[in-house]
Amino acid sequence: MKTPVATGEIPGDLGDLFSQLFGFDFYEKDSVTGRIREFDEVLGESLKQRFHERLYDLAYEICQVLHILKHLRSGGGADEESIKNRRVVYLAPTTSDLDSERDRIRRELLERGHMVLPETPLPLSNQELERVVRGHLEKCSVAIQSWRNVFLRPDLPFYFVQIAPFRYGGGKERALPLLWEAQSAALDIPHTGMAVISDIGNVGWIHPSNKQDVGKRLALWALAKDYGQEDLVHSGPLYKSKAIEGSKIRLSFNHNGSGLASRDAKPLDWFEIAGKDGKYVKAQAVIDGNTVVVSSDAIAKPTAARFAWDQGAEPNLMNKEGLPAGPFRTHRP
């Protein structure tokens, strides 16, 4: 596990906290070349085993922090000995295509002395999947509030990255859009911001290599919200509202910047439209000022629209500052 910066570059209090929690450096450095190892490079067996061990230790330590916070919030004192000896790891439910990998990790956790919850994998139907993903928003809120309480900073800024497009397979093409929706909803939490990276990912590789632009987009939020550059365009277009105009729907956005544009100068893509039956079809989309007008010859009376609602979507709508639009849907079922 690593971050792009050395321990010494982390603010003192935060660096001390992370060192106490995780007990290892923030990046791996090759002892021969001195080069910082990339997260996604091919690892030797020895380093790979060390990575797995540290990953499990990280999961354990996070559980301990959450246990302490829960204990303190309930008004109890911190019984350090009981907390120290409690070894519980929550292993998240998986889709069916990942069950074998989950079972392998569970066995290794048990061998290391951890108690694993839940004890058996949870089945995930489409309805259950949507419920689990929507619960992400509540977890985000709890996590953010917990860290703000720890640092005694109720307005501590939190800026995060929307998950990059990736073809996970397993018939769950709509699962990732649901997570994107939950992440977008987290922006309703005060002093938060989100970097959309749908244009700089790689749908065939789960860890996109372009980390520099990801960092730059997070920095835009900090510069605009925390360092006095209020006029800086710091986000791509995010869905605001819709208006039905006969056989068309007009979509409005926040963060238009100096105007809307197509990243590749081609017609806008990844827009869909539906009537009252809820069946979506591909839509034609045209920029009209600071709005996008969508329509389809197959839908005479549209009621809803959605954009980039697929795990592999890499849409071309952006603002003229080059920041991509976030995925959305105008209606939930």
C-alpha atoms as a PDB file:
ATOM      1  CA  MET A   1       0.000   0.000   0.000  1.00  0.00           C
ATOM      2  CA  LYS A   2       1.316   3.462  -0.787  1.00  0.00           C
ATOM      3  CA  THR A   3       0.335   7.009  -1.535  1.00  0.00           C
ATOM      4  CA  PRO A   4       2.033   9.283  -4.100  1.00  0.00           C
ATOM      5  CA  VAL A   5       3.807  11.264  -1.356  1.00  0.00           C
ATOM      6  CA  ALA A   6       6.393  10.411   1.256  1.00  0.00           C
ATOM      7  CA  THR A   7       5.537  10.234   4.936  1.00  0.00           C
ATOM      8  CA  GLY A   8       7.473  13.422   5.624  1.00  0.00           C
ATOM      9  CA  GLU A   9       5.283  15.375   3.221  1.00  0.00           C
ATOM     10  CA  ILE A  10       2.100  14.519   5.126  1.00  0.00           C
ATOM     11  CA  PRO A  11       0.997  17.168   7.659  1.00  0.00           C
ATOM     12  CA  GLY A  12       2.397  16.295  11.081  1.00  0.00           C
ATOM     13  CA  ASP A  13      -0.758  15.302  12.931  1.00  0.00           C
ATOM     14  CA  LEU A  14      -2.119  13.341  10.002  1.00  0.00           C
ATOM     15  CA  GLY A  15       1.215  11.632   9.361  1.00  0.00           C
ATOM     16  CA  ASP A  16       1.490  10.590  13.015  1.00  0.00           C
ATOM     17  CA  LEU A  17      -2.042   9.199  12.953  1.00  0.00           C
ATOM     18  CA  PHE A  18      -1.456   7.188   9.780  1.00  0.00           C
ATOM     19  CA  SER A  19       1.870   5.861  11.064  1.00  0.00           C
ATOM     20  CA  GLN A  20       0.227   4.663  14.268  1.00  0.00           C
ATOM     21  CA  LEU A  21      -2.649   3.070  12.375  1.00  0.00           C
ATOM     22  CA  PHE A  22      -0.826   1.368   9.550  1.00  0.00           C
ATOM     23  CA  GLY A  23       2.743   1.016  10.790  1.00  0.00           C
ATOM     24  CA  PHE A  24       4.411   1.122   7.381  1.00  0.00           C
ATOM     25  CA  ASP A  25       5.754   3.576   4.846  1.00  0.00           C
ATOM     26  CA  PHE A  26       3.471   5.345   2.425  1.00  0.00           C
ATOM     27  CA  TYR A  27       5.125   3.889  -0.659  1.00  0.00           C
ATOM     28  CA  GLU A  28       7.377   1.030  -1.732  1.00  0.00           C
ATOM     29  CA  LYS A  29      10.807   1.953  -3.058  1.00  0.00           C
ATOM     30  CA  ASP A  30      13.028  -0.438  -4.991  1.00  0.00           C
ATOM     31  CA  SER A  31      16.120  -1.025  -2.848  1.00  0.00           C
ATOM     32  CA  VAL A  32      18.376  -1.290  -5.915  1.00  0.00           C
ATOM     33  CA  THR A  33      17.113   1.390  -8.306  1.00  0.00           C
ATOM     34  CA  GLY A  34      15.533   3.701  -5.738  1.00  0.00           C
ATOM     35  CA  ARG A  35      12.481   3.935  -7.977  1.00  0.00           C
ATOM     36  CA  ILE A  36       9.033   4.176  -6.411  1.00  0.00           C
ATOM     37  CA  ARG A  37       7.076   1.107  -7.414  1.00  0.00           C
ATOM     38  CA  GLU A  38       3.860   1.622  -9.359  1.00  0.00           C
ATOM     39  CA  PHE A  39       0.781   0.085  -7.759  1.00  0.00           C
ATOM     40  CA  ASP A  40      -0.086  -1.865 -10.874  1.00  0.00           C
ATOM     41  CA  GLU A  41       3.357  -3.151 -11.855  1.00  0.00           C
ATOM     42  CA  VAL A  42       3.995  -6.890 -11.872  1.00  0.00           C
ATOM     43  CA  LEU A  43       5.101  -7.806  -8.359  1.00  0.00           C
ATOM     44  CA  GLY A  44       7.477 -10.531  -7.310  1.00  0.00           C
ATOM     45  CA  GLU A  45       6.079 -13.259  -5.072  1.00  0.00           C
ATOM     46  CA  SER A  46       7.825 -11.941  -1.974  1.00  0.00           C
ATOM     47  CA  LEU A  47       6.572  -8.386  -2.398  1.00  0.00           C
ATOM     48  CA  LYS A  48       3.148  -9.652  -3.403  1.00  0.00           C
ATOM     49  CA  GLN A  49       2.914 -11.623  -0.149  1.00  0.00           C
ATOM     50  CA  ARG A  50       4.002  -8.550   1.836  1.00  0.00           C
ATOM     51  CA  PHE A  51       1.356  -6.506   0.061  1.00  0.00           C
ATOM     52  CA  HIS A  52      -1.362  -9.011   0.963  1.00  0.00           C
ATOM     53  CA  GLU A  53      -0.248  -9.089   4.575  1.00  0.00           C
ATOM     54  CA  ARG A  54      -0.301  -5.326   4.818  1.00  0.00           C
ATOM     55  CA  LEU A  55      -3.675  -5.181   3.111  1.00  0.00           C
ATOM     56  CA  TYR A  56      -5.136  -7.500   5.724  1.00  0.00           C
ATOM     57  CA  ASP A  57      -3.478  -5.515   8.518  1.00  0.00           C
ATOM     58  CA  LEU A  58      -4.965  -2.346   7.046  1.00  0.00           C
ATOM     59  CA  ALA A  59      -8.450  -3.877   7.024  1.00  0.00           C
ATOM     60  CA  TYR A  60      -7.967  -4.948  10.641  1.00  0.00           C
ATOM     61  CA  GLU A  61      -6.759  -1.508  11.764  1.00  0.00           C
ATOM     62  CA  ILE A  62      -9.633   0.283  10.039  1.00  0.00           C
ATOM     63  CA  CYS A  63     -12.057  -1.998  11.863  1.00  0.00           C
ATOM     64  CA  GLN A  64     -10.398  -1.096  15.146  1.00  0.00           C
ATOM     65  CA  VAL A  65     -10.720   2.627  14.436  1.00  0.00           C
ATOM     66  CA  LEU A  66     -14.396   2.236  13.606  1.00  0.00           C
ATOM     67  CA  HIS A  67     -14.889   0.149  16.738  1.00  0.00           C
ATOM     68  CA  ILE A  68     -13.241   2.842  18.882  1.00  0.00           C
ATOM     69  CA  LEU A  69     -15.309   5.615  17.292  1.00  0.00           C
ATOM     70  CA  LYS A  70     -18.521   3.657  17.802  1.00  0.00           C
ATOM     71  CA  HIS A  71     -17.576   2.970  21.409  1.00  0.00           C
ATOM     72  CA  LEU A  72     -16.801   6.637  22.112  1.00  0.00           C
ATOM     73  CA  ARG A  73     -19.929   7.914  20.357  1.00  0.00           C
ATOM     74  CA  SER A  74     -22.051   5.614  22.507  1.00  0.00           C
ATOM     75  CA  GLY A  75     -20.672   7.409  25.590  1.00  0.00           C
ATOM     76  CA  GLY A  76     -18.448   4.608  26.812  1.00  0.00           C
ATOM     77  CA  GLY A  77     -14.830   4.847  27.810  1.00  0.00           C
ATOM     78  CA  ALA A  78     -12.058   3.458  25.656  1.00  0.00           C
ATOM     79  CA  ASP A  79     -11.273  -0.005  27.035  1.00  0.00           C
ATOM     80  CA  GLU A  80      -7.960  -0.289  25.209  1.00  0.00           C
ATOM     81  CA  GLU A  81      -7.255  -3.898  26.166  1.00  0.00           C
ATOM     82  CA  SER A  82     -10.600  -5.211  24.914  1.00  0.00           C
ATOM     83  CA  ILE A  83     -10.312  -3.154  21.728  1.00  0.00           C
ATOM     84  CA  LYS A  84      -6.767  -4.365  21.146  1.00  0.00           C
ATOM     85  CA  ASN A  85      -7.748  -8.032  21.442  1.00  0.00           C
ATOM     86  CA  ARG A  86     -10.828  -7.758  19.244  1.00  0.00           C
ATOM     87  CA  ARG A  87     -10.037  -9.070  15.762  1.00  0.00           C
ATOM     88  CA  VAL A  88     -12.977  -8.567  13.406  1.00  0.00           C
ATOM     89  CA  VAL A  89     -12.808  -7.917   9.657  1.00  0.00           C
ATOM     90  CA  TYR A  90     -15.846  -7.174   7.527  1.00  0.00           C
ATOM     91  CA  LEU A  91     -15.421  -8.808   4.122  1.00  0.00           C
ATOM     92  CA  ALA A  92     -17.777  -7.111   1.688  1.00  0.00           C
ATOM     93  CA  PRO A  93     -20.290  -9.166  -0.329  1.00  0.00           C
ATOM     94  CA  THR A  94     -19.364  -9.924  -3.912  1.00  0.00           C
ATOM     95  CA  THR A  95     -20.967 -10.662  -7.219  1.00  0.00           C
ATOM     96  CA  SER A  96     -21.011 -14.327  -8.231  1.00  0.00           C
ATOM     97  CA  ASP A  97     -18.017 -14.019 -10.558  1.00  0.00           C
ATOM     98  CA  LEU A  98     -15.827 -13.027  -7.595  1.00  0.00           C
ATOM     99  CA  ASP A  99     -17.042 -15.618  -5.087  1.00  0.00           C
ATOM    100  CA  SER A 100     -13.981 -17.854  -5.466  1.00  0.00           C
ATOM    101  CA  GLU A 101     -11.610 -14.950  -4.862  1.00  0.00           C
ATOM    102  CA  ARG A 102     -13.646 -13.854  -1.850  1.00  0.00           C
ATOM    103  CA  ASP A 103     -13.497 -17.368  -0.406  1.00  0.00           C
ATOM    104  CA  ARG A 104      -9.722 -17.458  -0.824  1.00  0.00           C
ATOM    105  CA  ILE A 105      -9.311 -14.131   0.981  1.00  0.00           C
ATOM    106  CA  ARG A 106     -11.700 -15.282   3.716  1.00  0.00           C
ATOM    107  CA  ARG A 107      -9.644 -18.449   4.326  1.00  0.00           C
ATOM    108  CA  GLU A 108      -6.431 -16.442   4.581  1.00  0.00           C
ATOM    109  CA  LEU A 109      -8.029 -13.987   6.991  1.00  0.00           C
ATOM    110  CA  LEU A 110      -9.221 -16.834   9.195  1.00  0.00           C
ATOM    111  CA  GLU A 111      -5.740 -18.386   9.146  1.00  0.00           C
ATOM    112  CA  ARG A 112      -4.359 -15.071  10.398  1.00  0.00           C
ATOM    113  CA  GLY A 113      -6.699 -15.197  13.384  1.00  0.00           C
ATOM    114  CA  HIS A 114      -9.300 -12.702  12.218  1.00  0.00           C
ATOM    115  CA  MET A 115     -13.030 -13.124  12.728  1.00  0.00           C
ATOM    116  CA  VAL A 116     -14.694 -12.575   9.345  1.00  0.00           C
ATOM    117  CA  LEU A 117     -18.167 -11.077   8.972  1.00  0.00           C
ATOM    118  CA  PRO A 118     -20.466 -11.948   7.353  1.00  0.00           C
ATOM    119  CA  GLU A 119     -19.633 -15.615   7.803  1.00  0.00           C
ATOM    120  CA  THR A 120     -21.033 -16.555   4.401  1.00  0.00           C
ATOM    121  CA  PRO A 121     -21.184 -14.593   1.136  1.00  0.00           C
ATOM    122  CA  LEU A 122     -24.335 -12.558   0.664  1.00  0.00           C
ATOM    123  CA  PRO A 123     -26.342 -13.263  -2.503  1.00  0.00           C
ATOM    124  CA  LEU A 124     -26.769 -10.177  -4.635  1.00  0.00           C
ATOM    125  CA  SER A 125     -29.830  -9.987  -6.840  1.00  0.00           C
ATOM    126  CA  ASN A 126     -30.276  -6.830  -8.884  1.00  0.00           C
ATOM    127  CA  GLN A 127     -32.574  -5.407  -6.203  1.00  0.00           C
ATOM    128  CA  GLU A 128     -30.149  -6.306  -3.418  1.00  0.00           C
ATOM    129  CA  LEU A 129     -27.271  -4.855  -5.401  1.00  0.00           C
ATOM    130  CA  GLU A 130     -29.071  -1.523  -5.747  1.00  0.00           C
ATOM    131  CA  ARG A 131     -29.835  -1.482  -2.026  1.00  0.00           C
ATOM    132  CA  VAL A 132     -26.196  -2.222  -1.147  1.00  0.00           C
ATOM    133  CA  VAL A 133     -24.859   0.459  -3.479  1.00  0.00           C
ATOM    134  CA  ARG A 134     -27.310   3.078  -2.252  1.00  0.00           C
ATOM    135  CA  GLY A 135     -26.098   2.331   1.257  1.00  0.00           C
ATOM    136  CA  HIS A 136     -22.739   3.699   0.101  1.00  0.00           C
ATOM    137  CA  LEU A 137     -24.015   7.250   0.619  1.00  0.00           C
ATOM    138  CA  GLU A 138     -24.846   6.610   4.260  1.00  0.00           C
ATOM    139  CA  LYS A 139     -21.423   5.031   4.785  1.00  0.00           C
ATOM    140  CA  CYS A 140     -19.745   8.053   3.169  1.00  0.00           C
ATOM    141  CA  SER A 141     -21.601  10.389   5.483  1.00  0.00           C
ATOM    142  CA  VAL A 142     -20.690   8.366   8.569  1.00  0.00           C
ATOM    143  CA  ALA A 143     -17.033   8.087   7.555  1.00  0.00           C
ATOM    144  CA  ILE A 144     -16.699  11.799   6.787  1.00  0.00           C
ATOM    145  CA  GLN A 145     -18.392  12.809  10.027  1.00  0.00           C
ATOM    146  CA  SER A 146     -16.195  10.411  11.994  1.00  0.00           C
ATOM    147  CA  TRP A 147     -12.970  11.851  10.612  1.00  0.00           C
ATOM    148  CA  ARG A 148     -14.224  15.384  11.199  1.00  0.00           C
ATOM    149  CA  ASN A 149     -14.947  14.468  14.796  1.00  0.00           C
ATOM    150  CA  VAL A 150     -11.467  12.959  15.237  1.00  0.00           C
ATOM    151  CA  PHE A 151      -9.797  16.144  14.014  1.00  0.00           C
ATOM    152  CA  LEU A 152     -12.295  18.449  15.762  1.00  0.00           C
ATOM    153  CA  ARG A 153     -12.968  20.069  12.383  1.00  0.00           C
ATOM    154  CA  PRO A 154     -16.705  19.989  11.523  1.00  0.00           C
ATOM    155  CA  ASP A 155     -15.960  21.692   8.187  1.00  0.00           C
ATOM    156  CA  LEU A 156     -12.920  19.566   7.227  1.00  0.00           C
ATOM    157  CA  PRO A 157     -12.921  19.375   3.388  1.00  0.00           C
ATOM    158  CA  PHE A 158     -13.265  15.964   1.744  1.00  0.00           C
ATOM    159  CA  TYR A 159     -12.489  15.621  -1.955  1.00  0.00           C
ATOM    160  CA  PHE A 160     -12.835  12.230  -3.617  1.00  0.00           C
ATOM    161  CA  VAL A 161     -12.546  10.599  -7.036  1.00  0.00           C
ATOM    162  CA  GLN A 162     -15.479   9.031  -8.824  1.00  0.00           C
ATOM    163  CA  ILE A 163     -14.753   5.392  -9.685  1.00  0.00           C
ATOM    164  CA  ALA A 164     -13.340   5.065 -13.203  1.00  0.00           C
ATOM    165  CA  PRO A 165     -15.267   3.142 -15.890  1.00  0.00           C
ATOM    166  CA  PHE A 166     -14.352  -0.541 -16.000  1.00  0.00           C
ATOM    167  CA  ARG A 167     -15.978  -3.604 -17.538  1.00  0.00           C
ATOM    168  CA  TYR A 168     -16.451  -5.822 -14.496  1.00  0.00           C
ATOM    169  CA  GLY A 169     -18.544  -8.412 -16.327  1.00  0.00           C
ATOM    170  CA  GLY A 170     -20.876 -10.806 -14.553  1.00  0.00           C
ATOM    171  CA  GLY A 171     -24.016  -9.207 -15.994  1.00  0.00           C
ATOM    172  CA  LYS A 172     -23.731  -6.209 -13.647  1.00  0.00           C
ATOM    173  CA  GLU A 173     -23.443  -3.462 -16.266  1.00  0.00           C
ATOM    174  CA  ARG A 174     -25.693  -1.144 -14.220  1.00  0.00           C
ATOM    175  CA  ALA A 175     -24.002  -1.732 -10.849  1.00  0.00           C
ATOM    176  CA  LEU A 176     -21.231   0.808 -11.389  1.00  0.00           C
ATOM    177  CA  PRO A 177     -23.634   3.599 -12.446  1.00  0.00           C
ATOM    178  CA  LEU A 178     -25.501   3.060  -9.181  1.00  0.00           C
ATOM    179  CA  LEU A 179     -22.255   3.595  -7.299  1.00  0.00           C
ATOM    180  CA  TRP A 180     -21.558   6.717  -9.380  1.00  0.00           C
ATOM    181  CA  GLU A 181     -25.001   7.982  -8.424  1.00  0.00           C
ATOM    182  CA  ALA A 182     -24.303   7.399  -4.727  1.00  0.00           C
ATOM    183  CA  GLN A 183     -20.957   9.181  -5.023  1.00  0.00           C
ATOM    184  CA  SER A 184     -22.611  12.152  -6.733  1.00  0.00           C
ATOM    185  CA  ALA A 185     -25.235  12.279  -3.991  1.00  0.00           C
ATOM    186  CA  ALA A 186     -22.415  12.527  -1.435  1.00  0.00           C
ATOM    187  CA  LEU A 187     -21.774  16.027  -2.792  1.00  0.00           C
ATOM    188  CA  ASP A 188     -24.808  17.115  -0.764  1.00  0.00           C
ATOM    189  CA  ILE A 189     -22.601  16.683   2.319  1.00  0.00           C
ATOM    190  CA  PRO A 190     -21.139  20.151   3.061  1.00  0.00           C
ATOM    191  CA  HIS A 191     -17.495  20.816   2.135  1.00  0.00           C
ATOM    192  CA  THR A 192     -17.101  17.883  -0.250  1.00  0.00           C
ATOM    193  CA  GLY A 193     -16.041  17.676  -3.887  1.00  0.00           C
ATOM    194  CA  MET A 194     -15.716  14.975  -6.561  1.00  0.00           C
ATOM    195  CA  ALA A 195     -13.326  14.570  -9.480  1.00  0.00           C
ATOM    196  CA  VAL A 196     -14.874  12.811 -12.487  1.00  0.00           C
ATOM    197  CA  ILE A 197     -12.319  10.774 -14.481  1.00  0.00           C
ATOM    198  CA  SER A 198     -14.423   8.990 -17.112  1.00  0.00           C
ATOM    199  CA  ASP A 199     -12.201  10.408 -19.873  1.00  0.00           C
ATOM    200  CA  ILE A 200      -8.807   9.346 -18.493  1.00  0.00           C
ATOM    201  CA  GLY A 201      -9.495   5.775 -17.361  1.00  0.00           C
ATOM    202  CA  ASN A 202      -9.151   2.431 -19.085  1.00  0.00           C
ATOM    203  CA  VAL A 203     -12.212   0.171 -19.254  1.00  0.00           C
ATOM    204  CA  GLY A 204      -9.912  -2.832 -19.680  1.00  0.00           C
ATOM    205  CA  TRP A 205      -7.704  -2.127 -16.657  1.00  0.00           C
ATOM    206  CA  ILE A 206      -9.104  -1.486 -13.193  1.00  0.00           C
ATOM    207  CA  HIS A 207      -6.191   0.754 -12.112  1.00  0.00           C
ATOM    208  CA  PRO A 208      -5.831   3.488 -14.779  1.00  0.00           C
ATOM    209  CA  SER A 209      -2.240   4.702 -15.125  1.00  0.00           C
ATOM    210  CA  ASN A 210      -2.955   8.439 -15.493  1.00  0.00           C
ATOM    211  CA  LYS A 211      -2.748   9.472 -11.843  1.00  0.00           C
ATOM    212  CA  GLN A 212      -1.372  12.939 -12.578  1.00  0.00           C
ATOM    213  CA  ASP A 213      -4.586  14.309 -14.061  1.00  0.00           C
ATOM    214  CA  VAL A 214      -6.576  12.732 -11.247  1.00  0.00           C
ATOM    215  CA  GLY A 215      -4.466  14.687  -8.765  1.00  0.00           C
ATOM    216  CA  LYS A 216      -4.847  17.874 -10.781  1.00  0.00           C
ATOM    217  CA  ARG A 217      -8.634  17.587 -10.754  1.00  0.00           C
ATOM    218  CA  LEU A 218      -8.686  17.089  -7.000  1.00  0.00           C
ATOM    219  CA  ALA A 219      -6.375  20.083  -6.663  1.00  0.00           C
ATOM    220  CA  LEU A 220      -8.852  22.234  -8.610  1.00  0.00           C
ATOM    221  CA  TRP A 221     -11.457  21.616  -5.908  1.00  0.00           C
ATOM    222  CA  ALA A 222      -9.008  22.550  -3.150  1.00  0.00           C
ATOM    223  CA  LEU A 223      -7.823  25.682  -4.955  1.00  0.00           C
ATOM    224  CA  ALA A 224     -11.380  26.869  -5.594  1.00  0.00           C
ATOM    225  CA  LYS A 225     -12.837  26.010  -2.193  1.00  0.00           C
ATOM    226  CA  ASP A 226      -9.929  26.384   0.231  1.00  0.00           C
ATOM    227  CA  TYR A 227      -7.250  28.585  -1.336  1.00  0.00           C
ATOM    228  CA  GLY A 228      -9.154  31.646  -2.469  1.00  0.00           C
ATOM    229  CA  GLN A 229      -9.498  30.929  -6.207  1.00  0.00           C
ATOM    230  CA  GLU A 230     -13.295  31.118  -6.174  1.00  0.00           C
ATOM    231  CA  ASP A 231     -13.580  31.823  -9.916  1.00  0.00           C
ATOM    232  CA  LEU A 232     -11.598  28.726 -10.914  1.00  0.00           C
ATOM    233  CA  VAL A 233     -13.619  26.176 -12.891  1.00  0.00           C
ATOM    234  CA  HIS A 234     -13.099  23.096 -10.737  1.00  0.00           C
ATOM    235  CA  SER A 235     -15.655  20.558 -11.960  1.00  0.00           C
ATOM    236  CA  GLY A 236     -17.168  19.261 -15.139  1.00  0.00           C
ATOM    237  CA  PRO A 237     -20.926  19.573 -15.812  1.00  0.00           C
ATOM    238  CA  LEU A 238     -23.104  17.903 -13.180  1.00  0.00           C
ATOM    239  CA  TYR A 239     -26.814  17.281 -13.729  1.00  0.00           C
ATOM    240  CA  LYS A 240     -29.097  19.988 -12.311  1.00  0.00           C
ATOM    241  CA  SER A 241     -32.609  19.669 -13.773  1.00  0.00           C
ATOM    242  CA  LYS A 242     -34.747  18.701 -16.756  1.00  0.00           C
ATOM    243  CA  ALA A 243     -37.629  20.256 -18.677  1.00  0.00           C
ATOM    244  CA  ILE A 244     -39.893  18.285 -21.036  1.00  0.00           C
ATOM    245  CA  GLU A 245     -40.551  20.157 -24.290  1.00  0.00           C
ATOM    246  CA  GLY A 246     -42.926  18.083 -26.387  1.00  0.00           C
ATOM    247  CA  SER A 247     -40.945  15.173 -27.817  1.00  0.00           C
ATOM    248  CA  LYS A 248     -37.671  16.436 -26.331  1.00  0.00           C
ATOM    249  CA  ILE A 249     -36.063  16.827 -22.925  1.00  0.00           C
ATOM    250  CA  ARG A 250     -33.860  19.807 -22.098  1.00  0.00           C
ATOM    251  CA  LEU A 251     -31.142  19.039 -19.539  1.00  0.00           C
ATOM    252  CA  SER A 252     -29.475  21.718 -17.414  1.00  0.00           C
ATOM    253  CA  PHE A 253     -26.203  21.461 -15.533  1.00  0.00           C
ATOM    254  CA  ASN A 254     -24.106  23.027 -12.831  1.00  0.00           C
ATOM    255  CA  HIS A 255     -20.425  23.753 -13.509  1.00  0.00           C
ATOM    256  CA  ASN A 256     -20.822  24.630 -17.189  1.00  0.00           C
ATOM    257  CA  GLY A 257     -17.628  26.689 -17.092  1.00  0.00           C
ATOM    258  CA  SER A 258     -17.292  28.850 -20.173  1.00  0.00           C
ATOM    259  CA  GLY A 259     -19.660  26.567 -22.085  1.00  0.00           C
ATOM    260  CA  LEU A 260     -20.483  22.975 -22.998  1.00  0.00           C
ATOM    261  CA  ALA A 261     -18.540  21.094 -25.660  1.00  0.00           C
ATOM    262  CA  SER A 262     -17.803  17.690 -27.184  1.00  0.00           C
ATOM    263  CA  ARG A 263     -14.385  16.344 -26.238  1.00  0.00           C
ATOM    264  CA  ASP A 264     -13.739  14.823 -29.675  1.00  0.00           C
ATOM    265  CA  ALA A 265     -15.851  17.283 -31.739  1.00  0.00           C
ATOM    266  CA  LYS A 266     -18.210  14.387 -32.583  1.00  0.00           C
ATOM    267  CA  PRO A 267     -21.952  14.219 -31.766  1.00  0.00           C
ATOM    268  CA  LEU A 268     -22.642  13.789 -28.073  1.00  0.00           C
ATOM    269  CA  ASP A 269     -22.824  10.130 -27.034  1.00  0.00           C
ATOM    270  CA  TRP A 270     -24.090   7.925 -24.221  1.00  0.00           C
ATOM    271  CA  PHE A 271     -27.438   9.736 -23.865  1.00  0.00           C
ATOM    272  CA  GLU A 272     -30.622   7.657 -23.576  1.00  0.00           C
ATOM    273  CA  ILE A 273     -34.282   8.574 -23.326  1.00  0.00           C
ATOM    274  CA  ALA A 274     -37.426   6.743 -22.144  1.00  0.00           C
ATOM    275  CA  GLY A 275     -41.206   7.103 -22.123  1.00  0.00           C
ATOM    276  CA  LYS A 276     -43.629   6.172 -19.372  1.00  0.00           C
ATOM    277  CA  ASP A 277     -42.846   2.461 -19.862  1.00  0.00           C
ATOM    278  CA  GLY A 278     -39.304   3.107 -18.599  1.00  0.00           C
ATOM    279  CA  LYS A 279     -37.618   1.436 -21.579  1.00  0.00           C
ATOM    280  CA  TYR A 280     -34.565   3.426 -22.638  1.00  0.00           C
ATOM    281  CA  VAL A 281     -33.349   3.878 -26.209  1.00  0.00           C
ATOM    282  CA  LYS A 282     -30.359   5.690 -27.642  1.00  0.00           C
ATOM    283  CA  ALA A 283     -30.999   9.421 -27.973  1.00  0.00           C
ATOM    284  CA  GLN A 284     -29.725  12.196 -30.176  1.00  0.00           C
ATOM    285  CA  ALA A 285     -28.192  14.939 -28.033  1.00  0.00           C
ATOM    286  CA  VAL A 286     -27.456  18.525 -29.112  1.00  0.00           C
ATOM    287  CA  ILE A 287     -25.835  21.342 -27.152  1.00  0.00           C
ATOM    288  CA  ASP A 288     -28.079  24.405 -26.957  1.00  0.00           C
ATOM    289  CA  GLY A 289     -26.377  27.181 -25.020  1.00  0.00           C
ATOM    290  CA  ASN A 290     -25.721  25.874 -21.506  1.00  0.00           C
ATOM    291  CA  THR A 291     -28.166  22.976 -21.926  1.00  0.00           C
ATOM    292  CA  VAL A 292     -28.346  19.691 -23.808  1.00  0.00           C
ATOM    293  CA  VAL A 293     -31.527  18.772 -25.731  1.00  0.00           C
ATOM    294  CA  VAL A 294     -32.158  15.025 -26.153  1.00  0.00           C
ATOM    295  CA  SER A 295     -34.709  13.229 -28.313  1.00  0.00           C
ATOM    296  CA  SER A 296     -35.426  10.040 -30.219  1.00  0.00           C
ATOM    297  CA  ASP A 297     -37.734   9.236 -33.114  1.00  0.00           C
ATOM    298  CA  ALA A 298     -38.757   6.125 -31.155  1.00  0.00           C
ATOM    299  CA  ILE A 299     -40.094   8.097 -28.153  1.00  0.00           C
ATOM    300  CA  ALA A 300     -42.903  10.562 -28.884  1.00  0.00           C
ATOM    301  CA  LYS A 301     -43.593  11.498 -25.263  1.00  0.00           C
ATOM    302  CA  PRO A 302     -40.399  11.214 -23.221  1.00  0.00           C
ATOM    303  CA  THR A 303     -40.486  11.261 -19.437  1.00  0.00           C
ATOM    304  CA  ALA A 304     -36.905  10.481 -18.420  1.00  0.00           C
ATOM    305  CA  ALA A 305     -33.316  10.604 -19.631  1.00  0.00           C
ATOM    306  CA  ARG A 306     -30.002   9.234 -18.503  1.00  0.00           C
ATOM    307  CA  PHE A 307     -26.354   9.745 -19.399  1.00  0.00           C
ATOM    308  CA  ALA A 308     -23.352   7.405 -19.336  1.00  0.00           C
ATOM    309  CA  TRP A 309     -25.435   4.785 -17.528  1.00  0.00           C
ATOM    310  CA  ASP A 310     -23.119   1.859 -18.253  1.00  0.00           C
ATOM    311  CA  GLN A 311     -19.986   0.564 -16.543  1.00  0.00           C
ATOM    312  CA  GLY A 312     -17.935   1.042 -19.727  1.00  0.00           C
ATOM    313  CA  ALA A 313     -19.166   4.534 -20.621  1.00  0.00           C
ATOM    314  CA  GLU A 314     -16.503   7.038 -21.657  1.00  0.00           C
ATOM    315  CA  PRO A 315     -18.741   9.914 -22.837  1.00  0.00           C
ATOM    316  CA  ASN A 316     -17.578  13.007 -24.690  1.00  0.00           C
ATOM    317  CA  LEU A 317     -19.660  15.752 -23.014  1.00  0.00           C
ATOM    318  CA  MET A 318     -17.467  18.220 -21.119  1.00  0.00           C
ATOM    319  CA  ASN A 319     -17.137  21.931 -20.446  1.00  0.00           C
ATOM    320  CA  LYS A 320     -14.730  24.035 -22.504  1.00  0.00           C
ATOM    321  CA  GLU A 321     -12.197  23.840 -19.690  1.00  0.00           C
ATOM    322  CA  GLY A 322     -11.866  20.115 -20.529  1.00  0.00           C
ATOM    323  CA  LEU A 323     -13.553  18.664 -17.439  1.00  0.00           C
ATOM    324  CA  PRO A 324     -15.950  15.764 -18.215  1.00  0.00           C
ATOM    325  CA  ALA A 325     -19.631  15.609 -17.302  1.00  0.00           C
ATOM    326  CA  GLY A 326     -20.680  13.202 -14.568  1.00  0.00           C
ATOM    327  CA  PRO A 327     -23.097  10.309 -15.249  1.00  0.00           C
ATOM    328  CA  PHE A 328     -26.709  10.685 -14.107  1.00  0.00           C
ATOM    329  CA  ARG A 329     -30.325   9.695 -14.549  1.00  0.00           C
ATOM    330  CA  THR A 330     -33.277  12.047 -14.202  1.00  0.00           C
ATOM    331  CA  HIS A 331     -35.575   9.468 -12.583  1.00  0.00           C
ATOM    332  CA  ARG A 332     -35.144   6.599 -10.156  1.00  0.00           C
ATOM    333  CA  PRO A 333     -37.478   3.598 -10.531  1.00  0.00           C
END
